[in-house]
């Protein structure tokens, strides 16, 4: 029997696993150590001739140590109690891979994924705009070893926002964020946002081109054309970044509500119509 503070621990898959690897060996496996597990455990073995017990203190790395033995006389003979300290080596969570900003079309599936390590394995929480998320028919959490994913099915514009993944264990906590943008209307090519360069504090227009909405080769071709254009009536190219699922082209910022070009369309409208072709 194994107990903590007088409460017997029973076999609970993926939490506490009690087993007998050999006829004379009993094993308790704590699958995922949490704060509630740190403390003293008592293991008791008994039969008609007497009983024996072992007390184990589960500690964080660096706390205590050593083995103590105590003996006492009982009606059944010698009662030997073993008391030992077991160190739990805890490592703070760390991201091996973080999620990236995504741009998807309505009704598509969005998947935000991270790879996180830590001892014990961290607990994962997902947030959207600082509100904790729960699984539903629309949202699901997928865990495969150290890869953790948030999957959003049949996306709509209301799914746009900033998503946060927080990993927590005994040794600490770490978070990362990514922005999900749902394009307006099916078949939309890209979206344009106002962004600020950290070093210069200047504002620019960032065009997010999703590889789901257009082939990567077309997006790269547009990037190459824009980087070579030089005319006073054309927004100038500033910078570009490529991610796993998109290309971000940073351009000179013009007011998106002021008519420029034919038909009185704003630059924000013109930039989202489709890839430039030669």
Protein backbone atom coordinates (compact mmCIF):
# COMPACT_ATOMS: atom_id res chain seq x y z
CA UNK A 1 0.00 0.00 0.00
CA UNK A 2 1.23 3.49 -0.85
CA UNK A 3 -0.22 6.54 0.84
CA UNK A 4 0.35 10.27 1.05
CA UNK A 5 -0.71 11.97 4.26
CA UNK A 6 -2.86 8.98 5.17
CA UNK A 7 -4.65 8.82 1.80
CA UNK A 8 -4.05 5.64 -0.20
CA UNK A 9 -2.86 6.09 -3.77
CA UNK A 10 -4.63 3.89 -6.30
CA UNK A 11 -3.75 3.03 -9.87
CA UNK A 12 -4.74 5.88 -12.22
CA UNK A 13 -3.52 5.54 -15.82
CA UNK A 14 -1.19 8.37 -16.91
CA UNK A 15 -1.08 9.67 -13.31
CA UNK A 16 -0.07 6.92 -10.86
CA UNK A 17 0.84 3.48 -12.16
CA UNK A 18 1.27 0.61 -9.66
CA UNK A 19 2.90 -2.54 -11.02
CA UNK A 20 4.88 -5.71 -10.12
CA UNK A 21 7.82 -6.09 -12.53
CA UNK A 22 8.88 -9.21 -10.56
CA UNK A 23 7.25 -11.43 -7.95
CA UNK A 24 9.14 -9.74 -5.14
CA UNK A 25 9.19 -6.19 -6.56
CA UNK A 26 6.47 -3.56 -6.41
CA UNK A 27 6.79 -0.29 -8.30
CA UNK A 28 5.02 3.07 -8.15
CA UNK A 29 5.47 5.24 -11.23
CA UNK A 30 4.42 8.88 -11.04
CA UNK A 31 3.91 9.60 -14.71
CA UNK A 32 3.85 13.38 -14.53
CA UNK A 33 5.18 14.92 -11.34
CA UNK A 34 3.26 17.97 -10.17
CA UNK A 35 3.42 20.29 -7.18
CA UNK A 36 0.94 18.08 -5.31
CA UNK A 37 3.37 15.14 -5.54
CA UNK A 38 6.22 16.88 -3.72
CA UNK A 39 6.21 15.65 -0.12
CA UNK A 40 6.32 12.40 1.81
CA UNK A 41 5.05 9.02 0.64
CA UNK A 42 4.70 5.92 2.83
CA UNK A 43 4.92 2.41 1.41
CA UNK A 44 3.66 -0.39 3.69
CA UNK A 45 3.96 -4.14 3.18
CA UNK A 46 2.25 -6.55 5.60
CA UNK A 47 1.34 -10.19 6.09
CA UNK A 48 0.29 -12.44 8.99
CA UNK A 49 3.80 -12.27 10.43
CA UNK A 50 4.13 -8.49 10.56
CA UNK A 51 4.66 -5.42 8.47
CA UNK A 52 7.39 -3.22 7.10
CA UNK A 53 7.29 0.30 5.75
CA UNK A 54 9.33 2.74 3.74
CA UNK A 55 8.93 6.50 3.83
CA UNK A 56 10.09 8.47 0.83
CA UNK A 57 10.36 12.25 0.61
CA UNK A 58 9.99 13.50 -2.95
CA UNK A 59 11.95 16.74 -3.25
CA UNK A 60 12.98 19.16 -5.93
CA UNK A 61 16.56 18.91 -7.13
CA UNK A 62 19.01 20.30 -4.60
CA UNK A 63 16.80 19.84 -1.53
CA UNK A 64 17.93 17.46 1.22
CA UNK A 65 19.30 13.96 0.63
CA UNK A 66 20.65 10.90 2.38
CA UNK A 67 19.08 7.71 3.70
CA UNK A 68 17.97 7.06 7.28
CA UNK A 69 17.07 3.76 8.96
CA UNK A 70 14.99 3.25 12.10
CA UNK A 71 14.18 0.04 13.98
CA UNK A 72 11.53 -0.65 16.60
CA UNK A 73 10.18 -3.73 18.43
CA UNK A 74 6.63 -4.85 17.58
CA UNK A 75 4.52 -7.83 18.58
CA UNK A 76 5.57 -9.47 15.33
CA UNK A 77 9.31 -9.00 15.86
CA UNK A 78 11.63 -6.44 14.33
CA UNK A 79 9.87 -3.57 12.51
CA UNK A 80 12.37 -1.77 10.31
CA UNK A 81 11.41 1.56 8.75
CA UNK A 82 13.42 2.99 5.89
CA UNK A 83 13.33 6.74 5.29
CA UNK A 84 14.90 8.17 2.17
CA UNK A 85 14.89 11.33 0.12
CA UNK A 86 14.28 11.17 -3.62
CA UNK A 87 15.29 14.15 -5.69
CA UNK A 88 13.00 15.19 -8.50
CA UNK A 89 15.22 16.80 -11.16
CA UNK A 90 13.04 19.63 -12.49
CA UNK A 91 13.91 21.63 -15.60
CA UNK A 92 12.04 24.80 -16.53
CA UNK A 93 10.00 24.63 -19.76
CA UNK A 94 11.69 25.82 -22.92
CA UNK A 95 10.44 26.14 -26.48
CA UNK A 96 12.42 24.22 -29.09
CA UNK A 97 10.08 25.64 -31.75
CA UNK A 98 7.54 28.45 -31.43
CA UNK A 99 4.37 29.12 -33.40
CA UNK A 100 4.42 31.68 -36.20
CA UNK A 101 1.94 34.29 -37.40
CA UNK A 102 -0.54 32.79 -39.86
CA UNK A 103 -2.81 34.08 -42.60
CA UNK A 104 -5.57 31.75 -43.82
CA UNK A 105 -8.75 32.04 -45.85
CA UNK A 106 -12.21 31.62 -44.32
CA UNK A 107 -13.37 28.02 -43.73
CA UNK A 108 -9.80 26.70 -43.81
CA UNK A 109 -8.14 24.90 -40.89
CA UNK A 110 -5.51 26.79 -38.92
CA UNK A 111 -2.88 24.95 -36.88
CA UNK A 112 -0.64 26.76 -34.38
CA UNK A 113 2.13 24.44 -33.16
CA UNK A 114 4.98 24.58 -30.65
CA UNK A 115 7.61 22.10 -29.50
CA UNK A 116 8.23 22.40 -25.77
CA UNK A 117 10.59 20.52 -23.45
CA UNK A 118 10.91 20.42 -19.67
CA UNK A 119 11.04 18.09 -16.66
CA UNK A 120 8.45 17.19 -15.70
CA UNK A 121 6.57 17.66 -18.98
CA UNK A 122 4.86 21.07 -18.78
CA UNK A 123 1.14 21.69 -18.53
CA UNK A 124 -0.08 23.60 -21.60
CA UNK A 125 -2.68 26.37 -21.70
CA UNK A 126 -3.91 28.18 -24.82
CA UNK A 127 -5.27 31.74 -24.86
CA UNK A 128 -6.85 34.00 -27.46
CA UNK A 129 -6.53 37.71 -26.73
CA UNK A 130 -5.67 36.76 -23.10
CA UNK A 131 -8.82 34.63 -22.66
CA UNK A 132 -8.18 30.94 -21.86
CA UNK A 133 -9.45 28.52 -24.51
CA UNK A 134 -11.30 25.24 -24.00
CA UNK A 135 -11.79 22.42 -26.46
CA UNK A 136 -14.95 22.36 -28.55
CA UNK A 137 -16.19 21.26 -31.97
CA UNK A 138 -14.38 24.31 -33.32
CA UNK A 139 -11.14 24.09 -31.32
CA UNK A 140 -9.01 21.07 -30.45
CA UNK A 141 -5.70 20.53 -28.64
CA UNK A 142 -3.36 17.95 -30.15
CA UNK A 143 -0.38 16.62 -28.18
CA UNK A 144 2.26 14.34 -29.72
CA UNK A 145 5.19 13.87 -27.32
CA UNK A 146 6.74 17.35 -27.05
CA UNK A 147 4.75 18.90 -29.94
CA UNK A 148 1.62 20.75 -28.88
CA UNK A 149 -0.87 22.16 -31.37
CA UNK A 150 -4.00 24.27 -31.35
CA UNK A 151 -6.22 23.32 -34.29
CA UNK A 152 -9.02 25.67 -35.37
CA UNK A 153 -11.52 24.13 -37.75
CA UNK A 154 -13.63 25.98 -40.32
CA UNK A 155 -12.12 29.38 -39.50
CA UNK A 156 -14.11 32.62 -39.62
CA UNK A 157 -13.10 36.27 -39.26
CA UNK A 158 -13.94 36.08 -35.54
CA UNK A 159 -10.99 33.68 -35.11
CA UNK A 160 -8.54 36.46 -36.00
CA UNK A 161 -6.49 37.58 -33.00
CA UNK A 162 -3.37 37.01 -30.92
CA UNK A 163 -2.94 33.48 -29.57
CA UNK A 164 -0.70 32.59 -26.62
CA UNK A 165 0.71 29.22 -25.60
CA UNK A 166 1.84 28.96 -21.96
CA UNK A 167 3.87 26.00 -20.68
CA UNK A 168 4.20 25.53 -16.89
CA UNK A 169 5.84 22.99 -14.60
CA UNK A 170 7.44 22.90 -11.13
CA UNK A 171 10.51 24.80 -12.28
CA UNK A 172 8.94 27.69 -14.15
CA UNK A 173 6.77 29.05 -16.93
CA UNK A 174 7.31 30.20 -20.51
CA UNK A 175 5.00 31.68 -23.16
CA UNK A 176 5.01 32.53 -26.84
CA UNK A 177 2.53 34.38 -29.05
CA UNK A 178 1.41 34.43 -32.66
CA UNK A 179 -1.22 36.34 -34.60
CA UNK A 180 -3.81 34.56 -36.70
CA UNK A 181 -5.41 36.55 -39.51
CA UNK A 182 -8.44 35.31 -41.39
CA UNK A 183 -8.71 36.94 -44.81
CA UNK A 184 -11.94 38.75 -45.65
CA UNK A 185 -13.86 36.67 -48.16
CA UNK A 186 -13.09 33.33 -49.76
CA UNK A 187 -10.39 33.46 -52.39
CA UNK A 188 -8.72 36.54 -50.90
CA UNK A 189 -5.05 36.65 -51.80
CA UNK A 190 -3.50 38.51 -48.86
CA UNK A 191 -4.02 41.16 -46.22
CA UNK A 192 -2.24 44.43 -45.46
CA UNK A 193 -1.53 45.74 -41.97
CA UNK A 194 0.12 48.79 -40.50
CA UNK A 195 3.35 47.81 -38.72
CA UNK A 196 6.05 49.74 -36.85
CA UNK A 197 9.78 49.11 -37.23
CA UNK A 198 11.31 48.80 -33.77
CA UNK A 199 14.65 50.40 -34.55
CA UNK A 200 13.37 53.50 -36.39
CA UNK A 201 9.82 53.69 -34.92
CA UNK A 202 8.59 54.35 -38.47
CA UNK A 203 5.29 52.94 -39.75
CA UNK A 204 5.07 50.76 -42.85
CA UNK A 205 2.51 48.67 -44.71
CA UNK A 206 3.10 44.92 -44.35
CA UNK A 207 1.52 42.67 -46.93
CA UNK A 208 0.97 39.12 -45.64
CA UNK A 209 0.78 36.58 -48.49
CA UNK A 210 -0.35 33.13 -47.42
CA UNK A 211 1.08 30.11 -49.24
CA UNK A 212 -2.33 28.52 -48.75
CA UNK A 213 -3.93 31.26 -50.84
CA UNK A 214 -1.28 31.42 -53.56
CA UNK A 215 1.65 29.27 -54.69
CA UNK A 216 4.95 30.20 -53.08
CA UNK A 217 6.57 30.79 -56.49
CA UNK A 218 3.96 33.46 -57.31
CA UNK A 219 4.54 35.18 -53.96
CA UNK A 220 8.32 35.14 -54.49
CA UNK A 221 7.84 36.55 -58.01
CA UNK A 222 5.81 39.46 -56.63
CA UNK A 223 8.50 40.08 -54.01
CA UNK A 224 11.18 40.21 -56.72
CA UNK A 225 9.16 42.61 -58.90
CA UNK A 226 8.36 45.00 -56.03
CA UNK A 227 11.99 45.03 -54.87
CA UNK A 228 13.09 46.25 -58.35
CA UNK A 229 10.46 48.97 -58.88
CA UNK A 230 11.56 52.58 -58.43
CA UNK A 231 8.98 55.24 -59.34
CA UNK A 232 7.51 58.21 -57.50
CA UNK A 233 3.96 56.93 -58.10
CA UNK A 234 4.65 53.45 -56.75
CA UNK A 235 5.10 52.58 -53.09
CA UNK A 236 8.72 51.69 -52.47
CA UNK A 237 9.90 48.32 -51.24
CA UNK A 238 11.42 48.35 -47.73
CA UNK A 239 12.01 44.76 -46.59
CA UNK A 240 10.68 41.20 -46.73
CA UNK A 241 10.52 38.11 -44.53
CA UNK A 242 9.67 34.52 -45.34
CA UNK A 243 8.08 32.15 -42.85
CA UNK A 244 6.92 28.56 -43.11
CA UNK A 245 3.45 29.45 -44.35
CA UNK A 246 3.73 32.98 -45.73
CA UNK A 247 5.82 35.83 -47.09
CA UNK A 248 5.63 39.29 -45.55
CA UNK A 249 6.47 42.21 -47.85
CA UNK A 250 7.09 45.52 -46.08
CA UNK A 251 6.29 48.61 -48.18
CA UNK A 252 6.07 52.37 -47.87
CA UNK A 253 2.92 53.33 -45.97
CA UNK A 254 0.16 55.32 -47.68
CA UNK A 255 -3.20 56.16 -46.08
CA UNK A 256 -5.39 53.15 -46.82
CA UNK A 257 -8.53 55.29 -46.86
CA UNK A 258 -7.30 57.84 -49.42
CA UNK A 259 -8.12 57.13 -53.08
CA UNK A 260 -5.03 56.43 -55.14
CA UNK A 261 -5.08 54.91 -58.56
CA UNK A 262 -7.97 54.11 -60.90
CA UNK A 263 -11.50 53.69 -59.60
CA UNK A 264 -10.81 55.50 -56.33
CA UNK A 265 -9.48 52.33 -54.68
CA UNK A 266 -7.15 52.63 -51.70
CA UNK A 267 -3.66 51.14 -51.79
CA UNK A 268 -4.76 48.60 -49.17
CA UNK A 269 -7.40 47.36 -51.61
CA UNK A 270 -5.07 47.24 -54.59
CA UNK A 271 -2.36 45.37 -52.69
CA UNK A 272 -4.70 42.52 -51.83
CA UNK A 273 -6.10 41.80 -55.30
CA UNK A 274 -3.56 39.23 -56.41
CA UNK A 275 0.09 38.56 -57.29
CA UNK A 276 1.97 40.83 -59.64
CA UNK A 277 2.89 39.14 -62.91
CA UNK A 278 5.34 40.07 -65.62
